[in-house]
């Protein structure tokens, strides 16, 4: 990363990073001001010692002694929570991902139809069993995640970040915009990688997507045409997180990568919904079908129809959400390029390289 024209700007970038990790409170500005005053006094003492203005490497040494921004924020913030302000944003992201994006869809679209089949079409019993199991699953998952993060908070197992932290990787100064942290990028990369592995294993092990319903459900033939594009999007998402983590100086890349991923997903969803709409109307089972040995079962046909409608509604909801997100992300990216002309030069330099 190139050196700044004003070495002392590194302190402002450091304070900005600490502010990112501090919880919003009335004394946030006071804490940042006190920290900035302390750092600048250390710089003045060093300059008086060497009788010259100090350079960026010397300021970096001062900041390294102070500690990584995330850990400094942890020390400055009040210790009133089970999970402190350092890990709380990551804890909240993991909690939402596991509970809302994984467990709830699994119970609604897989466990629910299975319970309906076991209850022989009794909707009341099936809904009661599904809600009971979902509540227990959500509670246990939330408790386990909370326990893990509480242990990390108490043991400070994340302290290794301080050893590998380099002040030169601090993001450039932003007026009010908060940059994606490296910790969040690591979480995105890990979850994206395991999601890709899961996706690659699904054709060989259908249990990973159907669970106990594997005995009477199978994927519809339309997925043979869309499996490769879905895998490509998953690979691109993993690469996007990896590149953003490896090149933090490319501050334009996360915004552009998110926009490209949204557009590609929107295009694939459009063609999936179009293909589902032209399926045989007399036997509309585009997403999932009955296993070959159960094709004559009237009861199971009703269950498959319910699953297909549920998947269709979820995809339509995702398509609508992405249709709203794409223009917003495009506007934010164009606004960013207008406010940061250097972003254009960075993008252009890639073509030269």
Protein backbone atom coordinates (compact mmCIF):
# COMPACT_ATOMS: atom_id res chain seq x y z
CA UNK A 1 0.00 0.00 0.00
CA UNK A 2 1.41 3.39 -0.91
CA UNK A 3 2.38 5.84 1.78
CA UNK A 4 0.14 8.81 2.50
CA UNK A 5 1.32 12.34 1.80
CA UNK A 6 0.62 13.23 5.43
CA UNK A 7 1.95 10.49 7.75
CA UNK A 8 -0.17 11.79 10.65
CA UNK A 9 -3.29 10.98 8.65
CA UNK A 10 -2.65 7.39 9.74
CA UNK A 11 -3.83 8.39 13.22
CA UNK A 12 -7.14 9.68 11.84
CA UNK A 13 -7.60 6.44 9.92
CA UNK A 14 -6.85 4.49 13.10
CA UNK A 15 -9.40 6.50 15.11
CA UNK A 16 -11.96 5.91 12.38
CA UNK A 17 -11.38 2.16 12.63
CA UNK A 18 -11.73 2.23 16.44
CA UNK A 19 -14.97 4.22 16.13
CA UNK A 20 -16.34 1.50 13.81
CA UNK A 21 -16.05 -1.11 16.57
CA UNK A 22 -17.28 1.08 19.44
CA UNK A 23 -20.97 0.72 20.36
CA UNK A 24 -23.10 3.78 19.67
CA UNK A 25 -23.30 5.85 22.84
CA UNK A 26 -23.30 9.42 24.04
CA UNK A 27 -19.68 9.26 25.16
CA UNK A 28 -18.36 7.70 21.94
CA UNK A 29 -16.98 11.03 20.70
CA UNK A 30 -15.33 11.66 24.07
CA UNK A 31 -13.59 8.27 24.03
CA UNK A 32 -12.31 8.83 20.49
CA UNK A 33 -11.15 12.36 21.36
CA UNK A 34 -9.24 11.12 24.42
CA UNK A 35 -7.62 8.33 22.43
CA UNK A 36 -6.66 10.75 19.65
CA UNK A 37 -5.17 13.19 22.15
CA UNK A 38 -3.11 10.41 23.73
CA UNK A 39 -1.79 9.20 20.36
CA UNK A 40 -0.88 12.70 19.19
CA UNK A 41 0.92 13.38 22.46
CA UNK A 42 2.98 10.22 21.89
CA UNK A 43 3.82 11.48 18.39
CA UNK A 44 4.90 14.85 19.79
CA UNK A 45 7.10 13.16 22.39
CA UNK A 46 8.72 11.04 19.69
CA UNK A 47 9.33 14.09 17.49
CA UNK A 48 10.91 15.92 20.43
CA UNK A 49 13.12 12.89 21.05
CA UNK A 50 14.40 12.62 17.46
CA UNK A 51 14.28 16.39 16.75
CA UNK A 52 12.43 15.99 13.43
CA UNK A 53 8.95 15.19 12.10
CA UNK A 54 8.48 11.42 12.36
CA UNK A 55 7.62 9.28 9.34
CA UNK A 56 4.80 6.84 8.73
CA UNK A 57 6.71 3.70 9.88
CA UNK A 58 7.35 5.36 13.25
CA UNK A 59 3.69 6.29 13.62
CA UNK A 60 2.83 2.70 12.72
CA UNK A 61 4.99 1.48 15.61
CA UNK A 62 3.07 3.74 18.01
CA UNK A 63 -0.25 2.40 16.72
CA UNK A 64 0.98 -1.20 16.96
CA UNK A 65 1.82 -0.66 20.62
CA UNK A 66 -1.66 0.73 21.17
CA UNK A 67 -3.23 -2.40 19.61
CA UNK A 68 -5.59 -3.44 16.83
CA UNK A 69 -8.67 -1.17 16.55
CA UNK A 70 -11.08 -3.98 17.42
CA UNK A 71 -9.25 -4.78 20.67
CA UNK A 72 -8.82 -1.12 21.60
CA UNK A 73 -12.56 -0.60 21.18
CA UNK A 74 -13.13 -3.62 23.41
CA UNK A 75 -11.03 -2.04 26.14
CA UNK A 76 -12.70 1.35 25.85
CA UNK A 77 -16.30 0.11 25.80
CA UNK A 78 -18.13 -0.62 29.08
CA UNK A 79 -18.27 -4.31 30.09
CA UNK A 80 -21.97 -4.73 30.70
CA UNK A 81 -22.88 -7.47 28.24
CA UNK A 82 -22.40 -11.21 28.18
CA UNK A 83 -20.83 -10.68 24.74
CA UNK A 84 -18.78 -7.51 24.49
CA UNK A 85 -18.87 -4.88 21.73
CA UNK A 86 -15.91 -6.44 19.93
CA UNK A 87 -17.62 -9.73 19.11
CA UNK A 88 -21.25 -8.62 19.27
CA UNK A 89 -21.60 -7.56 15.58
CA UNK A 90 -20.14 -10.90 14.46
CA UNK A 91 -22.33 -12.78 16.99
CA UNK A 92 -25.44 -11.04 15.69
CA UNK A 93 -24.57 -11.83 12.06
CA UNK A 94 -23.96 -15.53 12.80
CA UNK A 95 -27.15 -15.73 14.88
CA UNK A 96 -29.28 -14.26 12.09
CA UNK A 97 -27.67 -16.46 9.45
CA UNK A 98 -28.16 -19.72 11.37
CA UNK A 99 -31.63 -19.02 12.76
CA UNK A 100 -33.35 -17.08 9.98
CA UNK A 101 -31.54 -18.21 6.82
CA UNK A 102 -30.91 -21.88 7.63
CA UNK A 103 -33.13 -23.33 10.38
CA UNK A 104 -36.41 -21.52 9.63
CA UNK A 105 -36.44 -22.48 5.89
CA UNK A 106 -35.47 -26.07 6.76
CA UNK A 107 -38.39 -26.41 9.19
CA UNK A 108 -40.90 -24.66 6.91
CA UNK A 109 -40.02 -26.34 3.61
CA UNK A 110 -38.68 -29.75 4.65
CA UNK A 111 -39.67 -30.70 8.21
CA UNK A 112 -43.18 -29.25 7.79
CA UNK A 113 -44.12 -31.37 4.75
CA UNK A 114 -42.57 -34.45 6.40
CA UNK A 115 -44.71 -33.88 9.53
CA UNK A 116 -47.75 -33.38 7.32
CA UNK A 117 -47.10 -36.75 5.70
CA UNK A 118 -46.61 -38.44 9.09
CA UNK A 119 -49.84 -36.88 10.35
CA UNK A 120 -51.70 -38.26 7.29
CA UNK A 121 -52.90 -34.87 6.12
CA UNK A 122 -53.93 -33.50 9.55
CA UNK A 123 -52.78 -29.89 9.20
CA UNK A 124 -53.34 -29.01 12.87
CA UNK A 125 -51.14 -31.81 14.16
CA UNK A 126 -48.48 -31.17 11.50
CA UNK A 127 -48.30 -27.43 12.25
CA UNK A 128 -48.16 -28.05 16.01
CA UNK A 129 -45.34 -30.59 15.67
CA UNK A 130 -43.42 -28.37 13.24
CA UNK A 131 -43.69 -25.24 15.40
CA UNK A 132 -42.73 -27.20 18.51
CA UNK A 133 -39.66 -28.71 16.83
CA UNK A 134 -38.71 -25.37 15.27
CA UNK A 135 -38.92 -23.55 18.61
CA UNK A 136 -36.75 -26.18 20.28
CA UNK A 137 -34.23 -26.13 17.41
CA UNK A 138 -34.00 -22.32 17.38
CA UNK A 139 -33.61 -22.17 21.15
CA UNK A 140 -30.87 -24.82 21.23
CA UNK A 141 -29.00 -23.27 18.27
CA UNK A 142 -29.18 -19.79 19.82
CA UNK A 143 -27.97 -21.13 23.17
CA UNK A 144 -25.02 -22.96 21.59
CA UNK A 145 -23.98 -19.93 19.49
CA UNK A 146 -24.28 -17.63 22.51
CA UNK A 147 -22.21 -20.02 24.65
CA UNK A 148 -19.45 -20.22 22.03
CA UNK A 149 -19.20 -16.42 21.70
CA UNK A 150 -19.37 -15.97 25.49
CA UNK A 151 -16.40 -18.35 25.86
CA UNK A 152 -14.50 -16.42 23.17
CA UNK A 153 -15.29 -13.19 25.00
CA UNK A 154 -14.05 -14.49 28.33
CA UNK A 155 -10.94 -16.28 27.06
CA UNK A 156 -10.14 -13.58 24.44
CA UNK A 157 -9.22 -16.28 21.96
CA UNK A 158 -9.34 -13.61 19.24
CA UNK A 159 -6.32 -11.80 20.70
CA UNK A 160 -4.11 -13.23 17.91
CA UNK A 161 -5.55 -10.51 15.68
CA UNK A 162 -3.41 -8.03 17.56
CA UNK A 163 -0.21 -9.88 16.62
CA UNK A 164 -0.89 -9.93 12.89
CA UNK A 165 -2.42 -6.46 12.63
CA UNK A 166 -0.61 -3.93 10.40
CA UNK A 167 -1.51 -0.19 10.54
CA UNK A 168 -0.72 0.15 6.82
CA UNK A 169 -3.85 -1.91 6.07
CA UNK A 170 -6.14 0.66 7.68
CA UNK A 171 -8.91 1.81 5.31
CA UNK A 172 -8.72 5.34 3.87
CA UNK A 173 -10.64 8.07 5.61
CA UNK A 174 -14.35 8.11 4.90
CA UNK A 175 -16.71 10.94 5.70
CA UNK A 176 -19.50 8.86 7.21
CA UNK A 177 -19.29 5.53 5.45
CA UNK A 178 -18.46 2.36 7.42
CA UNK A 179 -16.24 -0.14 5.62
CA UNK A 180 -16.65 -3.87 5.81
CA UNK A 181 -14.22 -5.19 8.39
CA UNK A 182 -11.78 -7.98 7.76
CA UNK A 183 -13.51 -10.07 10.44
CA UNK A 184 -16.82 -9.83 8.59
CA UNK A 185 -15.07 -10.76 5.36
CA UNK A 186 -13.55 -13.80 7.03
CA UNK A 187 -17.02 -14.87 8.22
CA UNK A 188 -18.42 -14.38 4.71
CA UNK A 189 -15.55 -16.40 3.25
CA UNK A 190 -15.95 -19.29 5.71
CA UNK A 191 -19.72 -19.54 5.34
CA UNK A 192 -19.47 -19.14 1.57
CA UNK A 193 -16.86 -21.91 1.36
CA UNK A 194 -18.90 -24.38 3.41
CA UNK A 195 -22.02 -23.43 1.44
CA UNK A 196 -20.16 -24.22 -1.78
CA UNK A 197 -19.03 -27.60 -0.42
CA UNK A 198 -22.62 -28.36 0.61
CA UNK A 199 -23.85 -27.42 -2.86
CA UNK A 200 -21.29 -29.68 -4.54
CA UNK A 201 -22.29 -32.62 -2.33
CA UNK A 202 -26.07 -32.29 -2.83
CA UNK A 203 -26.25 -34.28 -6.14
CA UNK A 204 -24.45 -37.22 -4.52
CA UNK A 205 -26.11 -36.96 -1.12
CA UNK A 206 -29.72 -35.71 -1.51
CA UNK A 207 -30.18 -36.11 2.24
CA UNK A 208 -28.30 -32.81 2.64
CA UNK A 209 -31.23 -30.94 1.10
CA UNK A 210 -34.23 -33.18 1.85
CA UNK A 211 -33.28 -34.72 5.16
CA UNK A 212 -35.72 -37.49 6.17
CA UNK A 213 -37.91 -36.57 3.17
CA UNK A 214 -35.28 -38.10 0.89
CA UNK A 215 -37.33 -41.31 0.96
CA UNK A 216 -40.18 -39.83 -1.08
CA UNK A 217 -38.78 -36.62 -2.67
CA UNK A 218 -36.27 -35.93 -5.42
CA UNK A 219 -35.18 -32.83 -7.33
CA UNK A 220 -37.09 -31.92 -10.48
CA UNK A 221 -35.37 -32.32 -13.87
CA UNK A 222 -35.19 -28.54 -14.38
CA UNK A 223 -32.35 -28.36 -11.84
CA UNK A 224 -30.04 -30.20 -14.25
CA UNK A 225 -30.03 -27.03 -16.38
CA UNK A 226 -29.57 -24.58 -13.49
CA UNK A 227 -27.20 -26.46 -11.20
CA UNK A 228 -24.05 -25.23 -12.97
CA UNK A 229 -25.06 -21.50 -12.90
CA UNK A 230 -25.92 -21.79 -9.19
CA UNK A 231 -22.49 -23.34 -8.49
CA UNK A 232 -20.78 -20.59 -10.52
CA UNK A 233 -22.51 -17.90 -8.45
CA UNK A 234 -21.44 -19.66 -5.24
CA UNK A 235 -17.83 -19.83 -6.47
CA UNK A 236 -17.89 -16.13 -7.42
CA UNK A 237 -19.18 -15.22 -3.95
CA UNK A 238 -16.30 -17.11 -2.33
CA UNK A 239 -13.79 -15.44 -4.66
CA UNK A 240 -15.31 -12.04 -3.95
CA UNK A 241 -14.79 -12.44 -0.19
CA UNK A 242 -11.27 -13.82 -0.71
CA UNK A 243 -10.20 -10.97 -3.00
CA UNK A 244 -11.73 -8.32 -0.73
CA UNK A 245 -9.84 -9.85 2.20
CA UNK A 246 -6.54 -10.12 0.29
CA UNK A 247 -6.78 -6.62 -1.25
CA UNK A 248 -8.27 -4.30 1.41
CA UNK A 249 -6.86 -1.31 -0.48
CA UNK A 250 -9.35 -2.01 -3.27
CA UNK A 251 -12.10 -0.24 -1.35
CA UNK A 252 -14.28 -0.18 -4.49
CA UNK A 253 -14.24 -3.96 -4.91
CA UNK A 254 -16.76 -5.06 -2.21
CA UNK A 255 -19.39 -2.69 -3.62
CA UNK A 256 -18.82 -3.77 -7.20
CA UNK A 257 -18.65 -7.46 -6.27
CA UNK A 258 -21.91 -7.25 -4.34
CA UNK A 259 -23.62 -5.54 -7.27
CA UNK A 260 -22.37 -8.13 -9.78
CA UNK A 261 -23.44 -10.99 -7.50
CA UNK A 262 -26.91 -9.48 -7.08
CA UNK A 263 -27.37 -9.02 -10.83
CA UNK A 264 -26.18 -12.57 -11.64
CA UNK A 265 -28.45 -14.09 -8.98
CA UNK A 266 -31.36 -12.03 -10.27
CA UNK A 267 -30.78 -13.25 -13.83
CA UNK A 268 -30.59 -16.91 -12.76
CA UNK A 269 -33.72 -16.56 -10.61
CA UNK A 270 -35.54 -15.00 -13.56
CA UNK A 271 -34.83 -17.98 -15.80
CA UNK A 272 -35.65 -20.48 -13.02
CA UNK A 273 -39.06 -18.88 -12.48
CA UNK A 274 -39.61 -18.73 -16.23
CA UNK A 275 -38.75 -22.43 -16.58
CA UNK A 276 -41.05 -23.30 -13.66
CA UNK A 277 -43.90 -21.38 -15.26
CA UNK A 278 -43.81 -23.33 -18.53
CA UNK A 279 -43.86 -26.72 -16.86
CA UNK A 280 -46.69 -29.13 -17.65
CA UNK A 281 -49.77 -27.50 -16.00
CA UNK A 282 -51.43 -30.89 -15.51
CA UNK A 283 -48.49 -32.17 -13.48
CA UNK A 284 -46.85 -29.05 -12.05
CA UNK A 285 -43.86 -30.33 -10.05
CA UNK A 286 -40.98 -28.18 -11.31
CA UNK A 287 -38.80 -28.00 -8.19
CA UNK A 288 -39.28 -31.35 -6.43
CA UNK A 289 -40.94 -34.60 -7.52
CA UNK A 290 -42.05 -37.85 -5.98
CA UNK A 291 -39.61 -40.72 -5.85
CA UNK A 292 -40.13 -43.26 -8.61
CA UNK A 293 -41.61 -45.88 -6.28
CA UNK A 294 -44.32 -43.49 -5.01
CA UNK A 295 -45.66 -41.91 -8.20
CA UNK A 296 -49.10 -43.47 -7.73
CA UNK A 297 -49.57 -42.19 -4.17
CA UNK A 298 -52.30 -39.52 -4.07
CA UNK A 299 -51.36 -38.50 -0.53
CA UNK A 300 -47.72 -37.88 -1.34
CA UNK A 301 -48.68 -35.96 -4.52
CA UNK A 302 -50.45 -33.38 -2.32
CA UNK A 303 -47.35 -33.03 -0.13
CA UNK A 304 -45.13 -32.50 -3.19
CA UNK A 305 -47.52 -29.83 -4.47
CA UNK A 306 -47.26 -27.99 -1.13
CA UNK A 307 -43.46 -28.12 -1.20
CA UNK A 308 -43.37 -26.81 -4.78
CA UNK A 309 -45.66 -23.89 -3.94
CA UNK A 310 -43.56 -23.05 -0.86
CA UNK A 311 -40.34 -23.07 -2.92
CA UNK A 312 -42.00 -20.96 -5.62
CA UNK A 313 -43.16 -18.34 -3.11
CA UNK A 314 -39.70 -18.16 -1.54
CA UNK A 315 -38.07 -17.67 -4.95
CA UNK A 316 -40.56 -14.99 -5.95
CA UNK A 317 -39.83 -13.22 -2.66
CA UNK A 318 -36.09 -13.45 -3.30
CA UNK A 319 -36.57 -12.14 -6.87
CA UNK A 320 -38.57 -9.15 -5.62
CA UNK A 321 -35.98 -8.40 -2.94
CA UNK A 322 -33.09 -8.56 -5.40
CA UNK A 323 -35.02 -6.41 -7.89
CA UNK A 324 -35.20 -3.72 -5.23
CA UNK A 325 -31.61 -4.22 -4.07
CA UNK A 326 -30.00 -4.05 -7.54
CA UNK A 327 -30.97 -0.40 -8.32
CA UNK A 328 -30.04 0.67 -4.80
CA UNK A 329 -26.61 -0.99 -5.02
CA UNK A 330 -26.06 0.50 -8.48
CA UNK A 331 -26.87 3.99 -7.19
CA UNK A 332 -24.59 3.53 -4.15
CA UNK A 333 -21.71 2.32 -6.33
CA UNK A 334 -22.08 5.21 -8.81
CA UNK A 335 -22.30 7.66 -5.93
CA UNK A 336 -19.14 6.16 -4.46
CA UNK A 337 -17.28 6.54 -7.76
CA UNK A 338 -18.36 10.16 -8.06
CA UNK A 339 -17.18 10.93 -4.54
CA UNK A 340 -13.97 8.94 -4.90
CA UNK A 341 -12.35 9.60 -8.30
CA UNK A 342 -9.39 7.50 -7.19
CA UNK A 343 -11.65 4.45 -7.41
CA UNK A 344 -11.84 4.94 -11.17
CA UNK A 345 -8.07 5.05 -11.45
CA UNK A 346 -7.76 1.87 -9.37
CA UNK A 347 -10.20 0.04 -11.62
CA UNK A 348 -8.42 1.29 -14.73
CA UNK A 349 -5.05 0.16 -13.36
CA UNK A 350 -6.32 -3.44 -13.27
CA UNK A 351 -6.61 -3.45 -17.05
CA UNK A 352 -3.05 -2.22 -17.37
CA UNK A 353 -1.80 -4.96 -15.05
